[in-house]
Amino acid sequence: MKKTYLARRNALITARSISWGAGALLFSMALLGIRLVVPNLFWQALTPVFHIADALTAESQAFFAHFSNAATLAAQNEKLTNENATLASENAALQQKVDTQNALFGGGGAHAPGILADVAARPPTSPYDTLVLSEGSKSGITLGMEVFGPGNVPVGVISSVLADFSQATLFSTPGVVTHGWVGHANLPLMLTGAGAGALNASVPRAANIAVGDTVFMPGPGQLPVGGVVRVDSDPLSPAVTLRIVSAVNPFSIAAVVVRATGITGVSFATSTLP
């Protein structure tokens, strides 16, 4: 019986009966020993893992940043496209202005004399046979300056001036009288405005003025203002009436040149801008 008792007592201290707590204690003591002998062992062992984690983080940030950059680039491209469209429109407007200027100055460009003025209003927006110009006294325009349309055709005289605007009364305005001449013989004429770009003049029947003859007005040189489109005659009268149409359509003038030519012999009722 005694021998059996001793056998059971020894069984209590066998390796199989060691508790989990004792095992954990032994493991902790082993780790502590390693920590004391090799302090940086665990850090060195885990460093590659940390590098891999950092690399994965950087790759993920770059991946998501790609979508953000794409949206930003798309917005920038749209903005640049709109700016290019605006610049193209401005360039087209400037080119049109240059073409108009060249037509008005006869290719002389900015070195030709005169003040270039856009037409802000024309018939039927403005009163018939008047033009409202986008330049005024600030640009040097004064009363009595002569106004020229495309092809250097004289079309009227400045009759009213404000700081930023001016009004041109056309030679075709009813009641406006100016002097000129017609045909190769330079027959003097007294031209009277008939409205809508038309003028009338009376000449002797013996002058033999015919349809198609050119009418000129005073200015810097011999300037054609229009042509004879009809000759009205009365058998009982020694004179005939010339119906003259201006070489420039007042309904389509986009810009003019204003010059101080010293024109004389023009009479009209001075009008005032509204």
C-alpha atoms as a PDB file:
ATOM      1  CA  MET A   1       0.000   0.000   0.000  1.00  0.00           C
ATOM      2  CA  LYS A   2       2.833   2.317   0.867  1.00  0.00           C
ATOM      3  CA  LYS A   3       4.507   1.745  -2.488  1.00  0.00           C
ATOM      4  CA  THR A   4       1.333   2.621  -4.320  1.00  0.00           C
ATOM      5  CA  TYR A   5       1.012   5.877  -2.394  1.00  0.00           C
ATOM      6  CA  LEU A   6       4.502   6.973  -3.332  1.00  0.00           C
ATOM      7  CA  ALA A   7       3.819   6.307  -6.991  1.00  0.00           C
ATOM      8  CA  ARG A   8       0.805   8.604  -7.012  1.00  0.00           C
ATOM      9  CA  ARG A   9       2.740  11.317  -5.200  1.00  0.00           C
ATOM     10  CA  ASN A  10       5.501  11.288  -7.840  1.00  0.00           C
ATOM     11  CA  ALA A  11       2.906  11.577 -10.573  1.00  0.00           C
ATOM     12  CA  LEU A  12       2.024  15.040  -9.317  1.00  0.00           C
ATOM     13  CA  ILE A  13       5.458  16.434 -10.286  1.00  0.00           C
ATOM     14  CA  THR A  14       5.901  14.896 -13.749  1.00  0.00           C
ATOM     15  CA  ALA A  15       6.469  17.077 -16.859  1.00  0.00           C
ATOM     16  CA  ARG A  16       2.975  16.318 -18.079  1.00  0.00           C
ATOM     17  CA  SER A  17       1.482  17.849 -14.965  1.00  0.00           C
ATOM     18  CA  ILE A  18       3.271  21.204 -15.216  1.00  0.00           C
ATOM     19  CA  SER A  19       0.599  23.935 -15.388  1.00  0.00           C
ATOM     20  CA  TRP A  20       0.134  26.352 -18.297  1.00  0.00           C
ATOM     21  CA  GLY A  21       1.062  29.191 -16.006  1.00  0.00           C
ATOM     22  CA  ALA A  22       4.467  27.684 -15.360  1.00  0.00           C
ATOM     23  CA  GLY A  23       4.964  27.293 -19.113  1.00  0.00           C
ATOM     24  CA  ALA A  24       4.057  30.906 -19.725  1.00  0.00           C
ATOM     25  CA  LEU A  25       6.455  31.961 -16.987  1.00  0.00           C
ATOM     26  CA  LEU A  26       9.276  29.968 -18.514  1.00  0.00           C
ATOM     27  CA  PHE A  27       8.512  31.460 -21.979  1.00  0.00           C
ATOM     28  CA  SER A  28       8.529  34.985 -20.590  1.00  0.00           C
ATOM     29  CA  MET A  29      11.833  34.369 -18.831  1.00  0.00           C
ATOM     30  CA  ALA A  30      13.270  33.055 -22.093  1.00  0.00           C
ATOM     31  CA  LEU A  31      12.123  36.159 -23.984  1.00  0.00           C
ATOM     32  CA  LEU A  32      13.580  38.379 -21.270  1.00  0.00           C
ATOM     33  CA  GLY A  33      16.852  36.576 -21.538  1.00  0.00           C
ATOM     34  CA  ILE A  34      16.915  37.044 -25.279  1.00  0.00           C
ATOM     35  CA  ARG A  35      16.009  40.740 -24.818  1.00  0.00           C
ATOM     36  CA  LEU A  36      18.897  41.176 -22.423  1.00  0.00           C
ATOM     37  CA  VAL A  37      21.397  39.319 -24.585  1.00  0.00           C
ATOM     38  CA  VAL A  38      20.249  40.672 -27.999  1.00  0.00           C
ATOM     39  CA  PRO A  39      18.324  43.955 -27.373  1.00  0.00           C
ATOM     40  CA  ASN A  40      17.371  44.725 -31.020  1.00  0.00           C
ATOM     41  CA  LEU A  41      16.553  41.229 -32.178  1.00  0.00           C
ATOM     42  CA  PHE A  42      12.794  41.748 -32.423  1.00  0.00           C
ATOM     43  CA  TRP A  43      13.104  45.183 -34.049  1.00  0.00           C
ATOM     44  CA  GLN A  44      15.495  43.805 -36.660  1.00  0.00           C
ATOM     45  CA  ALA A  45      13.238  40.846 -37.271  1.00  0.00           C
ATOM     46  CA  LEU A  46      10.130  43.039 -37.770  1.00  0.00           C
ATOM     47  CA  THR A  47      11.828  45.815 -39.786  1.00  0.00           C
ATOM     48  CA  PRO A  48      11.109  44.155 -43.171  1.00  0.00           C
ATOM     49  CA  VAL A  49       7.455  43.864 -42.183  1.00  0.00           C
ATOM     50  CA  PHE A  50       7.352  47.588 -41.400  1.00  0.00           C
ATOM     51  CA  HIS A  51       9.001  48.422 -44.744  1.00  0.00           C
ATOM     52  CA  ILE A  52       6.452  46.304 -46.579  1.00  0.00           C
ATOM     53  CA  ALA A  53       3.613  48.071 -44.734  1.00  0.00           C
ATOM     54  CA  ASP A  54       5.051  51.503 -45.613  1.00  0.00           C
ATOM     55  CA  ALA A  55       5.388  50.506 -49.262  1.00  0.00           C
ATOM     56  CA  LEU A  56       1.787  49.275 -49.369  1.00  0.00           C
ATOM     57  CA  THR A  57       0.614  52.535 -47.799  1.00  0.00           C
ATOM     58  CA  ALA A  58       2.515  54.609 -50.358  1.00  0.00           C
ATOM     59  CA  GLU A  59       1.160  52.538 -53.251  1.00  0.00           C
ATOM     60  CA  SER A  60      -2.409  52.900 -52.016  1.00  0.00           C
ATOM     61  CA  GLN A  61      -2.022  56.649 -51.609  1.00  0.00           C
ATOM     62  CA  ALA A  62      -0.594  56.927 -55.132  1.00  0.00           C
ATOM     63  CA  PHE A  63      -3.439  54.782 -56.475  1.00  0.00           C
ATOM     64  CA  PHE A  64      -6.142  56.979 -54.953  1.00  0.00           C
ATOM     65  CA  ALA A  65      -4.236  60.177 -55.789  1.00  0.00           C
ATOM     66  CA  HIS A  66      -4.360  59.122 -59.445  1.00  0.00           C
ATOM     67  CA  PHE A  67      -8.136  59.541 -59.472  1.00  0.00           C
ATOM     68  CA  SER A  68      -7.873  62.906 -57.712  1.00  0.00           C
ATOM     69  CA  ASN A  69      -5.259  64.091 -60.210  1.00  0.00           C
ATOM     70  CA  ALA A  70      -7.391  62.911 -63.124  1.00  0.00           C
ATOM     71  CA  ALA A  71     -10.346  64.966 -61.890  1.00  0.00           C
ATOM     72  CA  THR A  72      -8.098  68.003 -61.402  1.00  0.00           C
ATOM     73  CA  LEU A  73      -6.608  67.616 -64.870  1.00  0.00           C
ATOM     74  CA  ALA A  74     -10.069  67.272 -66.395  1.00  0.00           C
ATOM     75  CA  ALA A  75     -11.155  70.521 -64.719  1.00  0.00           C
ATOM     76  CA  GLN A  76      -7.978  72.260 -65.895  1.00  0.00           C
ATOM     77  CA  ASN A  77      -8.486  70.987 -69.441  1.00  0.00           C
ATOM     78  CA  GLU A  78     -12.055  72.270 -69.472  1.00  0.00           C
ATOM     79  CA  LYS A  79     -10.860  75.659 -68.204  1.00  0.00           C
ATOM     80  CA  LEU A  80      -8.136  75.834 -70.848  1.00  0.00           C
ATOM     81  CA  THR A  81     -10.614  74.843 -73.547  1.00  0.00           C
ATOM     82  CA  ASN A  82     -12.940  77.673 -72.516  1.00  0.00           C
ATOM     83  CA  GLU A  83     -10.033  80.129 -72.427  1.00  0.00           C
ATOM     84  CA  ASN A  84      -8.913  79.022 -75.888  1.00  0.00           C
ATOM     85  CA  ALA A  85     -12.433  79.518 -77.227  1.00  0.00           C
ATOM     86  CA  THR A  86     -12.526  83.013 -75.711  1.00  0.00           C
ATOM     87  CA  LEU A  87      -9.124  83.883 -77.179  1.00  0.00           C
ATOM     88  CA  ALA A  88     -10.174  82.554 -80.575  1.00  0.00           C
ATOM     89  CA  SER A  89     -13.277  84.747 -80.476  1.00  0.00           C
ATOM     90  CA  GLU A  90     -11.208  87.788 -79.462  1.00  0.00           C
ATOM     91  CA  ASN A  91      -8.688  87.080 -82.221  1.00  0.00           C
ATOM     92  CA  ALA A  92     -11.486  86.799 -84.767  1.00  0.00           C
ATOM     93  CA  ALA A  93     -12.925  90.128 -83.588  1.00  0.00           C
ATOM     94  CA  LEU A  94      -9.487  91.761 -83.777  1.00  0.00           C
ATOM     95  CA  GLN A  95      -8.879  90.333 -87.237  1.00  0.00           C
ATOM     96  CA  GLN A  96     -12.242  91.640 -88.382  1.00  0.00           C
ATOM     97  CA  LYS A  97     -11.343  95.055 -86.983  1.00  0.00           C
ATOM     98  CA  VAL A  98      -7.994  94.967 -88.787  1.00  0.00           C
ATOM     99  CA  ASP A  99      -9.720  93.998 -92.040  1.00  0.00           C
ATOM    100  CA  THR A 100     -12.217  96.814 -91.579  1.00  0.00           C
ATOM    101  CA  GLN A 101      -9.421  99.239 -90.809  1.00  0.00           C
ATOM    102  CA  ASN A 102      -7.471  98.183 -93.881  1.00  0.00           C
ATOM    103  CA  ALA A 103     -10.584  98.598 -96.025  1.00  0.00           C
ATOM    104  CA  LEU A 104     -11.274 102.044 -94.598  1.00  0.00           C
ATOM    105  CA  PHE A 105      -7.698 103.246 -94.814  1.00  0.00           C
ATOM    106  CA  GLY A 106      -7.079 101.646 -98.166  1.00  0.00           C
ATOM    107  CA  GLY A 107      -4.439  99.341 -96.688  1.00  0.00           C
ATOM    108  CA  GLY A 108      -2.670 102.210 -94.972  1.00  0.00           C
ATOM    109  CA  GLY A 109      -3.241 100.698 -91.556  1.00  0.00           C
ATOM    110  CA  ALA A 110      -2.736 102.639 -88.385  1.00  0.00           C
ATOM    111  CA  HIS A 111      -0.322 105.066 -90.125  1.00  0.00           C
ATOM    112  CA  ALA A 112      -3.080 106.537 -92.294  1.00  0.00           C
ATOM    113  CA  PRO A 113      -4.566 109.824 -91.064  1.00  0.00           C
ATOM    114  CA  GLY A 114      -7.905 109.874 -89.319  1.00  0.00           C
ATOM    115  CA  ILE A 115      -9.727 108.478 -86.318  1.00  0.00           C
ATOM    116  CA  LEU A 116     -11.174 104.999 -86.621  1.00  0.00           C
ATOM    117  CA  ALA A 117     -14.634 104.777 -85.021  1.00  0.00           C
ATOM    118  CA  ASP A 118     -17.027 101.874 -84.787  1.00  0.00           C
ATOM    119  CA  VAL A 119     -20.652 102.540 -85.646  1.00  0.00           C
ATOM    120  CA  ALA A 120     -22.647 102.090 -82.439  1.00  0.00           C
ATOM    121  CA  ALA A 121     -26.014 102.644 -84.137  1.00  0.00           C
ATOM    122  CA  ARG A 122     -27.137 102.966 -87.726  1.00  0.00           C
ATOM    123  CA  PRO A 123     -30.504 103.137 -89.472  1.00  0.00           C
ATOM    124  CA  PRO A 124     -33.060 101.970 -88.608  1.00  0.00           C
ATOM    125  CA  THR A 125     -31.832 101.951 -84.973  1.00  0.00           C
ATOM    126  CA  SER A 126     -30.631 105.524 -85.265  1.00  0.00           C
ATOM    127  CA  PRO A 127     -32.591 108.236 -87.092  1.00  0.00           C
ATOM    128  CA  TYR A 128     -32.455 107.710 -90.829  1.00  0.00           C
ATOM    129  CA  ASP A 129     -29.270 108.928 -92.503  1.00  0.00           C
ATOM    130  CA  THR A 130     -27.420 109.450 -89.229  1.00  0.00           C
ATOM    131  CA  LEU A 131     -24.767 107.317 -87.564  1.00  0.00           C
ATOM    132  CA  VAL A 132     -23.905 107.164 -83.879  1.00  0.00           C
ATOM    133  CA  LEU A 133     -20.171 106.596 -83.507  1.00  0.00           C
ATOM    134  CA  SER A 134     -18.370 104.993 -80.569  1.00  0.00           C
ATOM    135  CA  GLU A 135     -15.736 107.747 -80.400  1.00  0.00           C
ATOM    136  CA  GLY A 136     -16.112 111.330 -79.257  1.00  0.00           C
ATOM    137  CA  SER A 137     -14.151 114.342 -78.073  1.00  0.00           C
ATOM    138  CA  LYS A 138     -11.832 112.147 -75.959  1.00  0.00           C
ATOM    139  CA  SER A 139     -10.554 110.662 -79.212  1.00  0.00           C
ATOM    140  CA  GLY A 140     -10.139 114.059 -80.855  1.00  0.00           C
ATOM    141  CA  ILE A 141     -13.389 114.209 -82.836  1.00  0.00           C
ATOM    142  CA  THR A 142     -14.780 117.720 -83.285  1.00  0.00           C
ATOM    143  CA  LEU A 143     -17.727 119.288 -85.031  1.00  0.00           C
ATOM    144  CA  GLY A 144     -17.442 119.587 -88.805  1.00  0.00           C
ATOM    145  CA  MET A 145     -14.969 116.747 -89.322  1.00  0.00           C
ATOM    146  CA  GLU A 146     -15.703 114.667 -92.401  1.00  0.00           C
ATOM    147  CA  VAL A 147     -16.727 111.020 -92.141  1.00  0.00           C
ATOM    148  CA  PHE A 148     -15.533 108.352 -94.590  1.00  0.00           C
ATOM    149  CA  GLY A 149     -16.880 104.856 -95.128  1.00  0.00           C
ATOM    150  CA  PRO A 150     -15.289 101.760 -96.690  1.00  0.00           C
ATOM    151  CA  GLY A 151     -13.293 102.503 -99.810  1.00  0.00           C
ATOM    152  CA  ASN A 152     -12.569 106.056 -98.590  1.00  0.00           C
ATOM    153  CA  VAL A 153     -16.046 107.151 -99.648  1.00  0.00           C
ATOM    154  CA  PRO A 154     -17.203 110.411 -98.008  1.00  0.00           C
ATOM    155  CA  VAL A 155     -20.520 109.774 -96.286  1.00  0.00           C
ATOM    156  CA  GLY A 156     -21.198 112.710 -93.968  1.00  0.00           C
ATOM    157  CA  VAL A 157     -20.078 115.274 -91.432  1.00  0.00           C
ATOM    158  CA  ILE A 158     -19.846 115.209 -87.623  1.00  0.00           C
ATOM    159  CA  SER A 159     -22.838 117.179 -86.384  1.00  0.00           C
ATOM    160  CA  SER A 160     -22.809 116.459 -82.634  1.00  0.00           C
ATOM    161  CA  VAL A 161     -20.064 115.444 -80.212  1.00  0.00           C
ATOM    162  CA  LEU A 162     -20.027 114.045 -76.678  1.00  0.00           C
ATOM    163  CA  ALA A 163     -17.076 112.801 -74.655  1.00  0.00           C
ATOM    164  CA  ASP A 164     -17.376 109.173 -75.741  1.00  0.00           C
ATOM    165  CA  PHE A 165     -19.814 109.334 -78.647  1.00  0.00           C
ATOM    166  CA  SER A 166     -20.502 111.462 -81.687  1.00  0.00           C
ATOM    167  CA  GLN A 167     -23.147 111.711 -84.363  1.00  0.00           C
ATOM    168  CA  ALA A 168     -22.532 111.833 -88.088  1.00  0.00           C
ATOM    169  CA  THR A 169     -25.136 113.379 -90.331  1.00  0.00           C
ATOM    170  CA  LEU A 170     -24.919 111.758 -93.731  1.00  0.00           C
ATOM    171  CA  PHE A 171     -24.883 113.744 -96.949  1.00  0.00           C
ATOM    172  CA  SER A 172     -28.031 111.856 -97.945  1.00  0.00           C
ATOM    173  CA  THR A 173     -30.001 113.264 -94.998  1.00  0.00           C
ATOM    174  CA  PRO A 174     -33.030 115.219 -96.260  1.00  0.00           C
ATOM    175  CA  GLY A 175     -32.285 118.919 -96.078  1.00  0.00           C
ATOM    176  CA  VAL A 176     -28.506 118.559 -96.188  1.00  0.00           C
ATOM    177  CA  VAL A 177     -26.926 120.441 -99.096  1.00  0.00           C
ATOM    178  CA  THR A 178     -23.335 120.056-100.247  1.00  0.00           C
ATOM    179  CA  HIS A 179     -21.311 120.692-103.344  1.00  0.00           C
ATOM    180  CA  GLY A 180     -19.725 118.259-105.758  1.00  0.00           C
ATOM    181  CA  TRP A 181     -19.283 117.501-109.403  1.00  0.00           C
ATOM    182  CA  VAL A 182     -20.245 114.817-111.865  1.00  0.00           C
ATOM    183  CA  GLY A 183     -18.793 113.157-114.931  1.00  0.00           C
ATOM    184  CA  HIS A 184     -15.439 113.500-116.615  1.00  0.00           C
ATOM    185  CA  ALA A 185     -16.194 117.133-117.381  1.00  0.00           C
ATOM    186  CA  ASN A 186     -16.343 117.832-113.630  1.00  0.00           C
ATOM    187  CA  LEU A 187     -19.699 119.574-113.956  1.00  0.00           C
ATOM    188  CA  PRO A 188     -20.370 121.399-110.661  1.00  0.00           C
ATOM    189  CA  LEU A 189     -23.371 120.136-108.674  1.00  0.00           C
ATOM    190  CA  MET A 190     -25.416 121.219-105.718  1.00  0.00           C
ATOM    191  CA  LEU A 191     -26.298 117.915-104.045  1.00  0.00           C
ATOM    192  CA  THR A 192     -29.391 117.655-101.880  1.00  0.00           C
ATOM    193  CA  GLY A 193     -30.040 114.762 -99.525  1.00  0.00           C
ATOM    194  CA  ALA A 194     -33.065 112.650-100.440  1.00  0.00           C
ATOM    195  CA  GLY A 195     -32.922 110.110 -97.597  1.00  0.00           C
ATOM    196  CA  ALA A 196     -31.947 106.422 -97.346  1.00  0.00           C
ATOM    197  CA  GLY A 197     -28.555 106.995 -98.915  1.00  0.00           C
ATOM    198  CA  ALA A 198     -29.885 108.857-101.960  1.00  0.00           C
ATOM    199  CA  LEU A 199     -29.125 112.349-103.254  1.00  0.00           C
ATOM    200  CA  ASN A 200     -30.583 114.579-105.919  1.00  0.00           C
ATOM    201  CA  ALA A 201     -29.029 117.196-108.161  1.00  0.00           C
ATOM    202  CA  SER A 202     -30.241 119.401-110.996  1.00  0.00           C
ATOM    203  CA  VAL A 203     -28.086 119.981-114.093  1.00  0.00           C
ATOM    204  CA  PRO A 204     -28.692 121.519-117.524  1.00  0.00           C
ATOM    205  CA  ARG A 205     -30.087 119.122-120.079  1.00  0.00           C
ATOM    206  CA  ALA A 206     -27.294 120.121-122.415  1.00  0.00           C
ATOM    207  CA  ALA A 207     -24.705 118.649-120.008  1.00  0.00           C
ATOM    208  CA  ASN A 208     -25.648 115.182-121.277  1.00  0.00           C
ATOM    209  CA  ILE A 209     -25.191 113.475-117.904  1.00  0.00           C
ATOM    210  CA  ALA A 210     -26.151 109.806-118.199  1.00  0.00           C
ATOM    211  CA  VAL A 211     -26.905 106.906-115.915  1.00  0.00           C
ATOM    212  CA  GLY A 212     -23.683 105.426-114.574  1.00  0.00           C
ATOM    213  CA  ASP A 213     -21.741 108.693-114.385  1.00  0.00           C
ATOM    214  CA  THR A 214     -19.751 109.060-111.162  1.00  0.00           C
ATOM    215  CA  VAL A 215     -20.463 111.799-108.655  1.00  0.00           C
ATOM    216  CA  PHE A 216     -17.615 113.283-106.612  1.00  0.00           C
ATOM    217  CA  MET A 217     -17.421 115.342-103.443  1.00  0.00           C
ATOM    218  CA  PRO A 218     -14.685 117.534-102.014  1.00  0.00           C
ATOM    219  CA  GLY A 219     -12.160 115.999 -99.649  1.00  0.00           C
ATOM    220  CA  PRO A 220      -8.502 114.896 -99.673  1.00  0.00           C
ATOM    221  CA  GLY A 221      -8.493 114.358-103.422  1.00  0.00           C
ATOM    222  CA  GLN A 222     -11.188 113.513-105.924  1.00  0.00           C
ATOM    223  CA  LEU A 223     -13.444 111.221-103.924  1.00  0.00           C
ATOM    224  CA  PRO A 224     -16.311 109.335-105.578  1.00  0.00           C
ATOM    225  CA  VAL A 225     -19.427 109.502-103.433  1.00  0.00           C
ATOM    226  CA  GLY A 226     -21.863 107.613-105.648  1.00  0.00           C
ATOM    227  CA  GLY A 227     -23.267 107.259-109.079  1.00  0.00           C
ATOM    228  CA  VAL A 228     -26.202 108.408-111.186  1.00  0.00           C
ATOM    229  CA  VAL A 229     -28.878 105.710-111.269  1.00  0.00           C
ATOM    230  CA  ARG A 230     -31.663 107.661-112.972  1.00  0.00           C
ATOM    231  CA  VAL A 231     -32.170 110.880-114.906  1.00  0.00           C
ATOM    232  CA  ASP A 232     -35.616 112.497-114.637  1.00  0.00           C
ATOM    233  CA  SER A 233     -36.509 115.087-117.209  1.00  0.00           C
ATOM    234  CA  ASP A 234     -39.395 117.355-118.091  1.00  0.00           C
ATOM    235  CA  PRO A 235     -39.706 118.236-121.772  1.00  0.00           C
ATOM    236  CA  LEU A 236     -40.714 121.747-120.805  1.00  0.00           C
ATOM    237  CA  SER A 237     -37.690 122.281-118.546  1.00  0.00           C
ATOM    238  CA  PRO A 238     -34.134 123.032-119.675  1.00  0.00           C
ATOM    239  CA  ALA A 239     -32.811 121.089-116.644  1.00  0.00           C
ATOM    240  CA  VAL A 240     -32.890 117.436-115.631  1.00  0.00           C
ATOM    241  CA  THR A 241     -32.859 115.889-112.155  1.00  0.00           C
ATOM    242  CA  LEU A 242     -30.175 113.363-111.307  1.00  0.00           C
ATOM    243  CA  ARG A 243     -31.038 110.563-108.893  1.00  0.00           C
ATOM    244  CA  ILE A 244     -27.822 109.556-107.166  1.00  0.00           C
ATOM    245  CA  VAL A 245     -27.204 106.590-104.861  1.00  0.00           C
ATOM    246  CA  SER A 246     -24.319 106.618-102.406  1.00  0.00           C
ATOM    247  CA  ALA A 247     -21.516 104.144-103.007  1.00  0.00           C
ATOM    248  CA  VAL A 248     -21.861 103.060 -99.349  1.00  0.00           C
ATOM    249  CA  ASN A 249     -25.028 101.547 -97.922  1.00  0.00           C
ATOM    250  CA  PRO A 250     -25.806 103.431 -94.678  1.00  0.00           C
ATOM    251  CA  PHE A 251     -27.684 100.372 -93.393  1.00  0.00           C
ATOM    252  CA  SER A 252     -24.533  98.230 -93.374  1.00  0.00           C
ATOM    253  CA  ILE A 253     -21.710 100.538 -92.295  1.00  0.00           C
ATOM    254  CA  ALA A 254     -19.773  98.949 -89.407  1.00  0.00           C
ATOM    255  CA  ALA A 255     -16.965 101.477 -88.996  1.00  0.00           C
ATOM    256  CA  VAL A 256     -15.861 104.815 -90.351  1.00  0.00           C
ATOM    257  CA  VAL A 257     -12.829 107.076 -90.414  1.00  0.00           C
ATOM    258  CA  VAL A 258     -13.179 110.657 -89.206  1.00  0.00           C
ATOM    259  CA  ARG A 259     -10.819 113.288 -90.611  1.00  0.00           C
ATOM    260  CA  ALA A 260     -10.444 117.042 -90.431  1.00  0.00           C
ATOM    261  CA  THR A 261     -10.537 117.885 -94.150  1.00  0.00           C
ATOM    262  CA  GLY A 262     -11.748 121.450 -93.903  1.00  0.00           C
ATOM    263  CA  ILE A 263     -14.818 120.654 -96.000  1.00  0.00           C
ATOM    264  CA  THR A 264     -16.918 123.704 -96.763  1.00  0.00           C
ATOM    265  CA  GLY A 265     -20.248 124.341 -98.359  1.00  0.00           C
ATOM    266  CA  VAL A 266     -22.195 121.823 -96.274  1.00  0.00           C
ATOM    267  CA  SER A 267     -25.392 123.069 -94.665  1.00  0.00           C
ATOM    268  CA  PHE A 268     -27.599 121.120 -92.273  1.00  0.00           C
ATOM    269  CA  ALA A 269     -29.597 121.618 -89.125  1.00  0.00           C
ATOM    270  CA  THR A 270     -27.326 120.711 -86.188  1.00  0.00           C
ATOM    271  CA  SER A 271     -28.764 117.730 -84.347  1.00  0.00           C
ATOM    272  CA  THR A 272     -28.107 116.665 -80.773  1.00  0.00           C
ATOM    273  CA  LEU A 273     -27.443 113.200 -79.481  1.00  0.00           C
ATOM    274  CA  PRO A 274     -30.147 111.875 -77.138  1.00  0.00           C
END
